[in-house]
Amino acid sequence: MRFLLLSLMSILVISCAPTKQYTKLSNASTLNPSKATIIVMRTNYFGYAINTDIYEGETLRGRLGPKSFLSWEVDPGTVFLKCDTGKEGYYTIDAKQGKTYYIQQKFLPHLYLSNTDFEVLDQDLGLAMLNKLKSPQMRYSD
């Protein structure tokens, strides 16, 4: 029984998927007013052992784990987002200068692969959720 309990605890600790960001993290104190800000959040633990690759167009912006976020700035215009967990989810944003987009990445139960989708949140809900999430591990330097 003790061995089983230790094994299960080890699996839980090892399998937690950390969030890694591969582009410059946008910071509220240094936002460029001529750009838009994209914040993609994963607010729950469902699929906690799975990282989701988040793309802007063909550019990998980061790997999103549970209870964390990715944040970056984009030029105004059409922005295509894609998340990949084996099944892909897509979202298109007409990014406006100076605006911040709070986007929740959601997992949907599925038999073999995790389905995933995006949902845009209003600013109040987005900020409230963002304050409860972990910052990503940075894999970027100037």
C-alpha atoms as a PDB file:
ATOM      1  CA  MET A   1       0.000   0.000   0.000  1.00  0.00           C
ATOM      2  CA  ARG A   2       2.807   2.380   0.902  1.00  0.00           C
ATOM      3  CA  PHE A   3       4.585   1.654  -2.380  1.00  0.00           C
ATOM      4  CA  LEU A   4       1.405   2.354  -4.341  1.00  0.00           C
ATOM      5  CA  LEU A   5       0.880   5.675  -2.568  1.00  0.00           C
ATOM      6  CA  LEU A   6       4.490   6.767  -3.185  1.00  0.00           C
ATOM      7  CA  SER A   7       4.229   5.726  -6.836  1.00  0.00           C
ATOM      8  CA  LEU A   8       1.050   7.733  -7.372  1.00  0.00           C
ATOM      9  CA  MET A   9       2.510  10.815  -5.692  1.00  0.00           C
ATOM     10  CA  SER A  10       5.653  10.557  -7.837  1.00  0.00           C
ATOM     11  CA  ILE A  11       3.621  10.340 -11.019  1.00  0.00           C
ATOM     12  CA  LEU A  12       1.578  13.409 -10.059  1.00  0.00           C
ATOM     13  CA  VAL A  13       4.671  15.487  -9.286  1.00  0.00           C
ATOM     14  CA  ILE A  14       6.611  14.404 -12.375  1.00  0.00           C
ATOM     15  CA  SER A  15       3.704  14.763 -14.776  1.00  0.00           C
ATOM     16  CA  CYS A  16       2.770  18.376 -13.977  1.00  0.00           C
ATOM     17  CA  ALA A  17       3.449  20.211 -17.221  1.00  0.00           C
ATOM     18  CA  PRO A  18       5.223  23.573 -16.755  1.00  0.00           C
ATOM     19  CA  THR A  19       4.430  26.505 -19.029  1.00  0.00           C
ATOM     20  CA  LYS A  20       7.286  27.719 -21.237  1.00  0.00           C
ATOM     21  CA  GLN A  21       7.204  30.904 -23.311  1.00  0.00           C
ATOM     22  CA  TYR A  22       9.492  31.330 -26.329  1.00  0.00           C
ATOM     23  CA  THR A  23       8.821  35.009 -27.067  1.00  0.00           C
ATOM     24  CA  LYS A  24       9.172  38.188 -25.026  1.00  0.00           C
ATOM     25  CA  LEU A  25       6.622  38.299 -22.201  1.00  0.00           C
ATOM     26  CA  SER A  26       4.421  41.393 -22.393  1.00  0.00           C
ATOM     27  CA  ASN A  27       4.538  43.435 -19.208  1.00  0.00           C
ATOM     28  CA  ALA A  28       1.808  45.872 -18.146  1.00  0.00           C
ATOM     29  CA  SER A  29       4.393  48.542 -17.255  1.00  0.00           C
ATOM     30  CA  THR A  30       6.118  48.419 -20.656  1.00  0.00           C
ATOM     31  CA  LEU A  31       3.255  47.839 -23.096  1.00  0.00           C
ATOM     32  CA  ASN A  32       3.731  49.386 -26.507  1.00  0.00           C
ATOM     33  CA  PRO A  33       0.597  51.490 -27.216  1.00  0.00           C
ATOM     34  CA  SER A  34       0.934  50.849 -30.966  1.00  0.00           C
ATOM     35  CA  LYS A  35       0.596  47.079 -30.475  1.00  0.00           C
ATOM     36  CA  ALA A  36      -2.118  44.718 -29.209  1.00  0.00           C
ATOM     37  CA  THR A  37      -1.543  42.241 -26.380  1.00  0.00           C
ATOM     38  CA  ILE A  38      -2.589  38.593 -26.509  1.00  0.00           C
ATOM     39  CA  ILE A  39      -2.925  36.681 -23.226  1.00  0.00           C
ATOM     40  CA  VAL A  40      -3.779  32.979 -23.499  1.00  0.00           C
ATOM     41  CA  MET A  41      -4.732  31.379 -20.174  1.00  0.00           C
ATOM     42  CA  ARG A  42      -5.347  27.848 -19.007  1.00  0.00           C
ATOM     43  CA  THR A  43      -7.323  28.239 -15.818  1.00  0.00           C
ATOM     44  CA  ASN A  44      -7.964  24.649 -14.737  1.00  0.00           C
ATOM     45  CA  TYR A  45      -6.112  21.411 -14.057  1.00  0.00           C
ATOM     46  CA  PHE A  46      -8.020  19.232 -16.540  1.00  0.00           C
ATOM     47  CA  GLY A  47      -5.380  17.532 -18.663  1.00  0.00           C
ATOM     48  CA  TYR A  48      -2.738  18.637 -16.132  1.00  0.00           C
ATOM     49  CA  ALA A  49      -0.058  16.346 -17.597  1.00  0.00           C
ATOM     50  CA  ILE A  50      -0.488  17.784 -21.096  1.00  0.00           C
ATOM     51  CA  ASN A  51       1.246  20.867 -22.454  1.00  0.00           C
ATOM     52  CA  THR A  52      -0.564  22.643 -25.246  1.00  0.00           C
ATOM     53  CA  ASP A  53       1.510  24.168 -28.031  1.00  0.00           C
ATOM     54  CA  ILE A  54       0.195  27.695 -28.706  1.00  0.00           C
ATOM     55  CA  TYR A  55       0.939  29.172 -32.121  1.00  0.00           C
ATOM     56  CA  GLU A  56       0.426  32.610 -33.622  1.00  0.00           C
ATOM     57  CA  GLY A  57       0.251  31.763 -37.293  1.00  0.00           C
ATOM     58  CA  GLU A  58       3.151  29.334 -37.786  1.00  0.00           C
ATOM     59  CA  THR A  59       5.180  30.756 -34.869  1.00  0.00           C
ATOM     60  CA  LEU A  60       5.286  28.710 -31.666  1.00  0.00           C
ATOM     61  CA  ARG A  61       4.704  31.249 -28.853  1.00  0.00           C
ATOM     62  CA  GLY A  62       4.890  28.768 -25.992  1.00  0.00           C
ATOM     63  CA  ARG A  63       3.802  25.560 -24.332  1.00  0.00           C
ATOM     64  CA  LEU A  64       0.881  26.139 -22.015  1.00  0.00           C
ATOM     65  CA  GLY A  65       0.492  24.036 -18.859  1.00  0.00           C
ATOM     66  CA  PRO A  66      -2.288  24.065 -16.251  1.00  0.00           C
ATOM     67  CA  LYS A  67      -3.099  27.152 -14.136  1.00  0.00           C
ATOM     68  CA  SER A  68      -0.780  29.430 -16.137  1.00  0.00           C
ATOM     69  CA  PHE A  69      -0.650  31.847 -19.060  1.00  0.00           C
ATOM     70  CA  LEU A  70       1.296  33.100 -22.071  1.00  0.00           C
ATOM     71  CA  SER A  71       1.397  36.786 -23.019  1.00  0.00           C
ATOM     72  CA  TRP A  72       2.897  38.623 -25.984  1.00  0.00           C
ATOM     73  CA  GLU A  73       2.416  41.701 -28.160  1.00  0.00           C
ATOM     74  CA  VAL A  74       1.319  41.672 -31.799  1.00  0.00           C
ATOM     75  CA  ASP A  75       0.977  44.223 -34.574  1.00  0.00           C
ATOM     76  CA  PRO A  76      -2.600  45.364 -35.257  1.00  0.00           C
ATOM     77  CA  GLY A  77      -4.405  43.278 -37.858  1.00  0.00           C
ATOM     78  CA  THR A  78      -5.525  39.694 -38.292  1.00  0.00           C
ATOM     79  CA  VAL A  79      -3.990  37.251 -35.820  1.00  0.00           C
ATOM     80  CA  PHE A  80      -4.480  33.492 -36.214  1.00  0.00           C
ATOM     81  CA  LEU A  81      -4.157  31.433 -33.029  1.00  0.00           C
ATOM     82  CA  LYS A  82      -3.821  27.663 -32.934  1.00  0.00           C
ATOM     83  CA  CYS A  83      -3.526  25.246 -30.014  1.00  0.00           C
ATOM     84  CA  ASP A  84      -2.389  21.696 -30.573  1.00  0.00           C
ATOM     85  CA  THR A  85      -3.006  18.775 -28.214  1.00  0.00           C
ATOM     86  CA  GLY A  86      -3.332  16.120 -30.878  1.00  0.00           C
ATOM     87  CA  LYS A  87      -6.532  17.773 -32.076  1.00  0.00           C
ATOM     88  CA  GLU A  88      -6.173  21.413 -33.055  1.00  0.00           C
ATOM     89  CA  GLY A  89      -8.251  24.400 -31.982  1.00  0.00           C
ATOM     90  CA  TYR A  90      -8.261  27.680 -33.913  1.00  0.00           C
ATOM     91  CA  TYR A  91      -9.236  31.285 -33.266  1.00  0.00           C
ATOM     92  CA  THR A  92      -8.927  34.489 -35.317  1.00  0.00           C
ATOM     93  CA  ILE A  93      -8.592  37.959 -33.792  1.00  0.00           C
ATOM     94  CA  ASP A  94      -8.804  41.318 -35.541  1.00  0.00           C
ATOM     95  CA  ALA A  95      -6.220  42.865 -33.207  1.00  0.00           C
ATOM     96  CA  LYS A  96      -6.660  46.567 -32.468  1.00  0.00           C
ATOM     97  CA  GLN A  97      -3.901  48.916 -31.387  1.00  0.00           C
ATOM     98  CA  GLY A  98      -3.656  49.291 -27.585  1.00  0.00           C
ATOM     99  CA  LYS A  99      -6.183  46.538 -26.810  1.00  0.00           C
ATOM    100  CA  THR A 100      -5.555  43.454 -24.641  1.00  0.00           C
ATOM    101  CA  TYR A 101      -7.247  40.167 -25.557  1.00  0.00           C
ATOM    102  CA  TYR A 102      -7.860  37.686 -22.720  1.00  0.00           C
ATOM    103  CA  ILE A 103      -8.313  34.221 -24.177  1.00  0.00           C
ATOM    104  CA  GLN A 104      -9.064  31.098 -22.184  1.00  0.00           C
ATOM    105  CA  GLN A 105      -7.840  27.805 -23.595  1.00  0.00           C
ATOM    106  CA  LYS A 106     -10.290  25.061 -22.671  1.00  0.00           C
ATOM    107  CA  PHE A 107      -9.928  21.294 -22.685  1.00  0.00           C
ATOM    108  CA  LEU A 108     -12.889  19.205 -23.767  1.00  0.00           C
ATOM    109  CA  PRO A 109     -13.057  15.535 -22.728  1.00  0.00           C
ATOM    110  CA  HIS A 110     -12.430  13.050 -25.516  1.00  0.00           C
ATOM    111  CA  LEU A 111     -11.709   9.333 -25.608  1.00  0.00           C
ATOM    112  CA  TYR A 112      -8.186   9.269 -27.114  1.00  0.00           C
ATOM    113  CA  LEU A 113      -6.996  12.815 -27.752  1.00  0.00           C
ATOM    114  CA  SER A 114      -7.810  16.011 -25.883  1.00  0.00           C
ATOM    115  CA  ASN A 115     -10.036  18.354 -27.803  1.00  0.00           C
ATOM    116  CA  THR A 116      -9.266  21.999 -27.125  1.00  0.00           C
ATOM    117  CA  ASP A 117     -10.882  25.313 -27.870  1.00  0.00           C
ATOM    118  CA  PHE A 118     -10.500  29.037 -27.221  1.00  0.00           C
ATOM    119  CA  GLU A 119     -12.932  31.400 -25.494  1.00  0.00           C
ATOM    120  CA  VAL A 120     -12.516  35.196 -25.367  1.00  0.00           C
ATOM    121  CA  LEU A 121     -13.120  36.714 -21.925  1.00  0.00           C
ATOM    122  CA  ASP A 122     -14.081  40.281 -21.057  1.00  0.00           C
ATOM    123  CA  GLN A 123     -11.410  42.420 -19.376  1.00  0.00           C
ATOM    124  CA  ASP A 124     -12.766  42.153 -15.802  1.00  0.00           C
ATOM    125  CA  LEU A 125     -13.017  38.352 -15.874  1.00  0.00           C
ATOM    126  CA  GLY A 126      -9.715  38.047 -17.747  1.00  0.00           C
ATOM    127  CA  LEU A 127      -7.833  40.143 -15.173  1.00  0.00           C
ATOM    128  CA  ALA A 128      -9.438  38.290 -12.260  1.00  0.00           C
ATOM    129  CA  MET A 129      -8.383  34.925 -13.697  1.00  0.00           C
ATOM    130  CA  LEU A 130      -4.912  36.149 -14.710  1.00  0.00           C
ATOM    131  CA  ASN A 131      -4.100  37.198 -11.144  1.00  0.00           C
ATOM    132  CA  LYS A 132      -4.553  33.587  -9.968  1.00  0.00           C
ATOM    133  CA  LEU A 133      -2.210  32.009 -12.542  1.00  0.00           C
ATOM    134  CA  LYS A 134       1.506  31.176 -12.593  1.00  0.00           C
ATOM    135  CA  SER A 135       3.875  33.082 -14.862  1.00  0.00           C
ATOM    136  CA  PRO A 136       5.570  31.048 -17.588  1.00  0.00           C
ATOM    137  CA  GLN A 137       9.179  29.896 -17.522  1.00  0.00           C
ATOM    138  CA  MET A 138      10.937  32.167 -19.983  1.00  0.00           C
ATOM    139  CA  ARG A 139      12.882  30.631 -22.864  1.00  0.00           C
ATOM    140  CA  TYR A 140      13.688  34.024 -24.428  1.00  0.00           C
ATOM    141  CA  SER A 141      16.223  36.810 -23.893  1.00  0.00           C
ATOM    142  CA  ASP A 142      16.834  40.173 -25.548  1.00  0.00           C
END
